[in-house]
């Protein structure tokens, strides 16, 4: 029973994340980025919102894939889905480091 609930939660997070991905692709919805959230009103006006939307879209897509892979692993218990999830987690970390390095320039 716990396995079914866990799988349902993983798929729900995946669906919510992919919906947010589609919204940010159309430049709509909230910008869930620390840079934007912690900025003052003046700084928010100066920020490139298109760039922030693209970054949020990419991260939310990775999160969707991660939770989908975890949910599939919980259902099938195939190690392939576990390794796919690890691969996407590594991809998110690398992407976040690259974004941070670019923002420092």
Protein backbone atom coordinates (compact mmCIF):
# COMPACT_ATOMS: atom_id res chain seq x y z
CA UNK A 1 0.00 0.00 0.00
CA UNK A 2 2.84 2.39 0.85
CA UNK A 3 4.43 1.60 -2.50
CA UNK A 4 1.26 2.69 -4.34
CA UNK A 5 1.02 5.92 -2.35
CA UNK A 6 4.71 6.67 -2.95
CA UNK A 7 4.33 6.02 -6.67
CA UNK A 8 1.24 8.22 -6.83
CA UNK A 9 3.08 11.06 -5.11
CA UNK A 10 6.03 10.72 -7.50
CA UNK A 11 3.75 10.83 -10.54
CA UNK A 12 1.80 13.77 -9.10
CA UNK A 13 5.01 15.75 -8.58
CA UNK A 14 6.07 14.82 -12.10
CA UNK A 15 2.76 16.03 -13.58
CA UNK A 16 2.81 19.30 -11.62
CA UNK A 17 6.41 19.89 -12.68
CA UNK A 18 5.67 19.26 -16.37
CA UNK A 19 2.67 21.63 -16.20
CA UNK A 20 4.95 24.29 -14.72
CA UNK A 21 7.44 23.51 -17.50
CA UNK A 22 4.80 24.20 -20.16
CA UNK A 23 3.74 27.43 -18.42
CA UNK A 24 7.28 28.74 -18.22
CA UNK A 25 7.86 27.77 -21.83
CA UNK A 26 5.07 30.22 -22.73
CA UNK A 27 6.59 32.84 -20.35
CA UNK A 28 3.62 32.62 -17.97
CA UNK A 29 3.33 31.73 -14.34
CA UNK A 30 5.59 32.47 -11.41
CA UNK A 31 9.35 32.53 -11.71
CA UNK A 32 10.55 30.04 -9.09
CA UNK A 33 14.16 31.14 -8.96
CA UNK A 34 16.10 32.31 -5.93
CA UNK A 35 17.56 35.13 -7.99
CA UNK A 36 14.09 36.51 -8.69
CA UNK A 37 12.49 35.71 -5.34
CA UNK A 38 15.24 37.34 -3.26
CA UNK A 39 15.61 40.41 -5.49
CA UNK A 40 14.24 43.80 -4.55
CA UNK A 41 11.65 45.50 -6.74
CA UNK A 42 14.33 47.55 -8.51
CA UNK A 43 16.48 44.50 -9.16
CA UNK A 44 13.46 42.56 -10.48
CA UNK A 45 12.89 45.24 -13.12
CA UNK A 46 16.51 44.94 -14.28
CA UNK A 47 16.55 41.14 -14.47
CA UNK A 48 16.18 39.36 -17.79
CA UNK A 49 12.90 37.51 -17.19
CA UNK A 50 13.14 35.53 -20.44
CA UNK A 51 16.43 34.00 -19.29
CA UNK A 52 14.93 33.17 -15.90
CA UNK A 53 11.89 31.54 -17.54
CA UNK A 54 14.18 29.37 -19.68
CA UNK A 55 16.20 28.29 -16.64
CA UNK A 56 13.05 27.49 -14.65
CA UNK A 57 11.65 25.55 -17.60
CA UNK A 58 14.77 23.43 -17.93
CA UNK A 59 15.05 22.70 -14.21
CA UNK A 60 11.36 21.81 -13.89
CA UNK A 61 11.65 19.48 -16.89
CA UNK A 62 14.57 17.69 -15.24
CA UNK A 63 12.60 17.45 -11.98
CA UNK A 64 9.66 15.97 -13.88
CA UNK A 65 11.89 13.34 -15.48
CA UNK A 66 13.52 12.51 -12.14
CA UNK A 67 10.23 11.90 -10.33
CA UNK A 68 8.79 9.99 -13.29
CA UNK A 69 11.84 7.71 -13.28
CA UNK A 70 11.59 7.21 -9.51
CA UNK A 71 7.89 6.38 -9.84
CA UNK A 72 8.59 3.90 -12.62
CA UNK A 73 11.31 2.30 -10.50
CA UNK A 74 8.87 1.96 -7.60
CA UNK A 75 6.35 0.19 -9.85
CA UNK A 76 8.64 -2.06 -11.87
CA UNK A 77 11.67 -2.39 -9.57
CA UNK A 78 13.85 -2.34 -12.68
CA UNK A 79 17.28 -0.94 -11.91
CA UNK A 80 17.28 0.82 -15.28
CA UNK A 81 14.86 3.45 -13.99
CA UNK A 82 16.99 3.99 -10.89
CA UNK A 83 20.05 4.66 -13.03
CA UNK A 84 18.04 6.93 -15.33
CA UNK A 85 16.96 8.94 -12.27
CA UNK A 86 20.60 9.16 -11.14
CA UNK A 87 21.56 10.37 -14.61
CA UNK A 88 18.93 13.12 -14.54
CA UNK A 89 19.94 14.15 -11.00
CA UNK A 90 23.52 14.48 -12.19
CA UNK A 91 22.26 16.45 -15.19
CA UNK A 92 20.39 18.90 -12.94
CA UNK A 93 23.48 19.41 -10.80
CA UNK A 94 25.70 20.05 -13.82
CA UNK A 95 23.12 22.38 -15.36
CA UNK A 96 22.81 24.36 -12.11
CA UNK A 97 26.59 24.72 -11.84
CA UNK A 98 26.84 25.90 -15.46
CA UNK A 99 24.05 28.45 -14.93
CA UNK A 100 25.76 29.73 -11.79
CA UNK A 101 29.10 30.01 -13.56
CA UNK A 102 27.53 31.94 -16.45
CA UNK A 103 25.77 34.33 -14.08
CA UNK A 104 29.06 35.23 -12.42
CA UNK A 105 30.56 36.49 -15.68
